[in-house]
C-alpha atoms as a PDB file:
ATOM      1  CA  MET A   1      75.891  88.698  93.162  1.00  0.00           C
ATOM      2  CA  LEU A   2      78.456  89.408  95.972  1.00  0.00           C
ATOM      3  CA  VAL A   3      81.227  86.948  95.689  1.00  0.00           C
ATOM      4  CA  PRO A   4      83.917  86.708  98.168  1.00  0.00           C
ATOM      5  CA  GLY A   5      87.327  87.095  96.982  1.00  0.00           C
ATOM      6  CA  SER A   6      86.328  88.709  93.738  1.00  0.00           C
ATOM      7  CA  SER A   7      86.382  92.789  92.558  1.00  0.00           C
ATOM      8  CA  SER A   8      83.948  94.613  90.339  1.00  0.00           C
ATOM      9  CA  THR A   9      84.381  98.243  88.551  1.00  0.00           C
ATOM     10  CA  VAL A  10      82.451 101.160  89.597  1.00  0.00           C
ATOM     11  CA  PHE A  11      81.730 103.802  87.031  1.00  0.00           C
ATOM     12  CA  SER A  12      79.407 106.907  86.995  1.00  0.00           C
ATOM     13  CA  ARG A  13      77.070 107.894  84.399  1.00  0.00           C
ATOM     14  CA  ARG A  14      77.784 111.379  82.745  1.00  0.00           C
ATOM     15  CA  PRO A  15      74.925 113.723  83.813  1.00  0.00           C
ATOM     16  CA  GLN A  16      74.171 114.701  80.453  1.00  0.00           C
ATOM     17  CA  SER A  17      74.479 111.338  78.632  1.00  0.00           C
ATOM     18  CA  VAL A  18      72.048 110.401  75.860  1.00  0.00           C
ATOM     19  CA  VAL A  19      69.834 108.426  78.548  1.00  0.00           C
ATOM     20  CA  GLY A  20      70.219 110.892  81.622  1.00  0.00           C
ATOM     21  CA  LYS A  21      66.548 111.477  81.951  1.00  0.00           C
ATOM     22  CA  GLU A  22      65.287 108.366  81.514  1.00  0.00           C
ATOM     23  CA  PHE A  23      67.682 106.708  83.625  1.00  0.00           C
ATOM     24  CA  SER A  24      67.027 108.911  86.822  1.00  0.00           C
ATOM     25  CA  GLN A  25      63.209 108.556  85.990  1.00  0.00           C
ATOM     26  CA  PHE A  26      63.765 104.945  86.029  1.00  0.00           C
ATOM     27  CA  LEU A  27      65.739 104.686  89.285  1.00  0.00           C
ATOM     28  CA  SER A  28      62.836 107.128  90.935  1.00  0.00           C
ATOM     29  CA  ARG A  29      60.160 104.583  89.735  1.00  0.00           C
ATOM     30  CA  GLU A  30      61.919 101.374  90.815  1.00  0.00           C
ATOM     31  CA  GLY A  31      63.791 102.913  93.960  1.00  0.00           C
ATOM     32  CA  ASP A  32      61.414 100.984  96.277  1.00  0.00           C
ATOM     33  CA  GLN A  33      62.073  97.655  94.816  1.00  0.00           C
ATOM     34  CA  LEU A  34      66.042  98.214  95.685  1.00  0.00           C
ATOM     35  CA  LYS A  35      65.672  98.382  99.549  1.00  0.00           C
ATOM     36  CA  LEU A  36      67.752  95.906 101.294  1.00  0.00           C
ATOM     37  CA  PRO A  37      66.789  93.697 104.587  1.00  0.00           C
ATOM     38  CA  ALA A  38      69.190  95.285 106.546  1.00  0.00           C
ATOM     39  CA  GLY A  39      67.522  98.649 105.836  1.00  0.00           C
ATOM     40  CA  ALA A  40      64.427  97.396 107.790  1.00  0.00           C
ATOM     41  CA  GLU A  41      63.695  96.574 111.495  1.00  0.00           C
ATOM     42  CA  SER A  42      66.021  94.141 112.795  1.00  0.00           C
ATOM     43  CA  GLY A  43      65.532  90.703 114.236  1.00  0.00           C
ATOM     44  CA  ILE A  44      64.768  87.489 112.917  1.00  0.00           C
ATOM     45  CA  TRP A  45      63.262  87.520 109.244  1.00  0.00           C
ATOM     46  CA  SER A  46      60.646  85.179 108.499  1.00  0.00           C
ATOM     47  CA  VAL A  47      60.131  83.650 105.166  1.00  0.00           C
ATOM     48  CA  THR A  48      57.329  85.916 104.348  1.00  0.00           C
ATOM     49  CA  LYS A  49      59.728  88.552 104.509  1.00  0.00           C
ATOM     50  CA  TRP A  50      62.089  86.939 102.508  1.00  0.00           C
ATOM     51  CA  HIS A  51      59.726  86.143  99.747  1.00  0.00           C
ATOM     52  CA  SER A  52      58.933  89.893  99.698  1.00  0.00           C
ATOM     53  CA  TYR A  53      62.479  90.868  98.848  1.00  0.00           C
ATOM     54  CA  ALA A  54      62.807  88.319  96.500  1.00  0.00           C
ATOM     55  CA  ARG A  55      59.618  89.341  94.625  1.00  0.00           C
ATOM     56  CA  ALA A  56      60.854  92.961  94.483  1.00  0.00           C
ATOM     57  CA  GLN A  57      64.127  91.798  93.221  1.00  0.00           C
ATOM     58  CA  SER A  58      62.261  90.164  90.533  1.00  0.00           C
ATOM     59  CA  SER A  59      59.937  93.110  89.607  1.00  0.00           C
ATOM     60  CA  TYR A  60      63.146  95.122  89.597  1.00  0.00           C
ATOM     61  CA  LEU A  61      65.319  93.014  87.377  1.00  0.00           C
ATOM     62  CA  GLN A  62      62.165  92.712  84.810  1.00  0.00           C
ATOM     63  CA  ALA A  63      62.046  96.552  84.835  1.00  0.00           C
ATOM     64  CA  LYS A  64      65.680  96.700  84.353  1.00  0.00           C
ATOM     65  CA  GLY A  65      65.644  94.496  81.473  1.00  0.00           C
ATOM     66  CA  ASP A  66      62.984  96.440  79.903  1.00  0.00           C
ATOM     67  CA  PHE A  67      64.714  99.774  80.469  1.00  0.00           C
ATOM     68  CA  ILE A  68      67.889  98.405  78.661  1.00  0.00           C
ATOM     69  CA  ARG A  69      65.736  96.841  75.808  1.00  0.00           C
ATOM     70  CA  SER A  70      63.954 100.111  75.105  1.00  0.00           C
ATOM     71  CA  ASN A  71      67.048 102.121  75.166  1.00  0.00           C
ATOM     72  CA  ALA A  72      69.191  99.981  73.822  1.00  0.00           C
ATOM     73  CA  ALA A  73      69.824 102.027  70.449  1.00  0.00           C
ATOM     74  CA  ALA A  74      70.546 105.215  72.431  1.00  0.00           C
ATOM     75  CA  LEU A  75      73.079 103.476  74.533  1.00  0.00           C
ATOM     76  CA  ASP A  76      74.758 101.803  71.883  1.00  0.00           C
ATOM     77  CA  LYS A  77      74.964 104.957  69.968  1.00  0.00           C
ATOM     78  CA  ALA A  78      76.673 106.667  73.165  1.00  0.00           C
ATOM     79  CA  GLY A  79      79.075 104.182  73.915  1.00  0.00           C
ATOM     80  CA  LEU A  80      81.669 104.943  76.372  1.00  0.00           C
ATOM     81  CA  ASN A  81      80.576 108.510  76.255  1.00  0.00           C
ATOM     82  CA  THR A  82      77.897 107.223  78.544  1.00  0.00           C
ATOM     83  CA  PHE A  83      80.618 107.315  81.375  1.00  0.00           C
ATOM     84  CA  TRP A  84      81.811 110.372  83.211  1.00  0.00           C
ATOM     85  CA  ASP A  85      85.412 110.796  83.151  1.00  0.00           C
ATOM     86  CA  GLY A  86      85.870 112.759  85.959  1.00  0.00           C
ATOM     87  CA  TYR A  87      86.563 115.635  83.794  1.00  0.00           C
ATOM     88  CA  GLY A  88      90.262 114.485  83.341  1.00  0.00           C
ATOM     89  CA  THR A  89      91.009 115.593  87.045  1.00  0.00           C
ATOM     90  CA  ASN A  90      88.656 113.410  89.571  1.00  0.00           C
ATOM     91  CA  ALA A  91      90.442 110.107  90.357  1.00  0.00           C
ATOM     92  CA  ASN A  92      87.065 108.594  91.662  1.00  0.00           C
ATOM     93  CA  ALA A  93      85.375 108.829  88.067  1.00  0.00           C
ATOM     94  CA  ALA A  94      86.319 104.962  88.144  1.00  0.00           C
ATOM     95  CA  LEU A  95      86.652 102.758  91.315  1.00  0.00           C
ATOM     96  CA  THR A  96      87.729  99.129  91.767  1.00  0.00           C
ATOM     97  CA  VAL A  97      85.758  97.255  94.678  1.00  0.00           C
ATOM     98  CA  PHE A  98      87.537  94.186  96.177  1.00  0.00           C
ATOM     99  CA  ARG A  99      85.348  92.272  98.112  1.00  0.00           C
ATOM    100  CA  HIS A 100      86.394  89.762 101.207  1.00  0.00           C
ATOM    101  CA  ASN A 101      83.802  87.607 102.819  1.00  0.00           C
ATOM    102  CA  ASP A 102      81.834  90.140 104.831  1.00  0.00           C
ATOM    103  CA  SER A 103      83.799  93.438 104.004  1.00  0.00           C
ATOM    104  CA  ALA A 104      85.317  95.300 100.907  1.00  0.00           C
ATOM    105  CA  THR A 105      87.984  97.865  99.983  1.00  0.00           C
ATOM    106  CA  VAL A 106      87.517 100.519  97.423  1.00  0.00           C
ATOM    107  CA  VAL A 107      90.320 101.911  95.420  1.00  0.00           C
ATOM    108  CA  GLN A 108      90.684 104.385  93.040  1.00  0.00           C
ATOM    109  CA  GLY A 109      90.879 103.880  89.378  1.00  0.00           C
ATOM    110  CA  LEU A 110      90.786 100.592  87.357  1.00  0.00           C
ATOM    111  CA  VAL A 111      92.817  97.832  88.781  1.00  0.00           C
ATOM    112  CA  GLY A 112      93.320  94.564  87.603  1.00  0.00           C
ATOM    113  CA  THR A 113      91.932  92.788  84.535  1.00  0.00           C
ATOM    114  CA  GLN A 114      89.053  93.937  82.552  1.00  0.00           C
ATOM    115  CA  PRO A 115      85.994  92.510  84.511  1.00  0.00           C
ATOM    116  CA  GLN A 116      83.570  90.207  82.467  1.00  0.00           C
ATOM    117  CA  THR A 117      80.676  92.453  82.685  1.00  0.00           C
ATOM    118  CA  ALA A 118      82.513  95.443  81.418  1.00  0.00           C
ATOM    119  CA  GLY A 119      82.951  93.652  78.179  1.00  0.00           C
END
């Protein structure tokens, strides 16, 4: 959920991580469920179209939960090794996104306190 005045941290997955192949397959399978309304034709949106996006979101969240549950042991085993460290030289390995109403600012590295979702 995008909350104005809040921030998020973005990490990249290590390509050779324990669940790398499975994760790529999951995203490929669920890609259609991740389409956003802004990516479709412009104009006035009907309630029917919004319900279609709500159903797609619900389907994706269910699939995401199933994926996490089925890969929990591998994810626990990998721990922080799941995340790409930028080979120690790439400053884009971790990014912080600050949201402001209808825009955002992205800065390199981890800024601020640890996000609740990165616990």
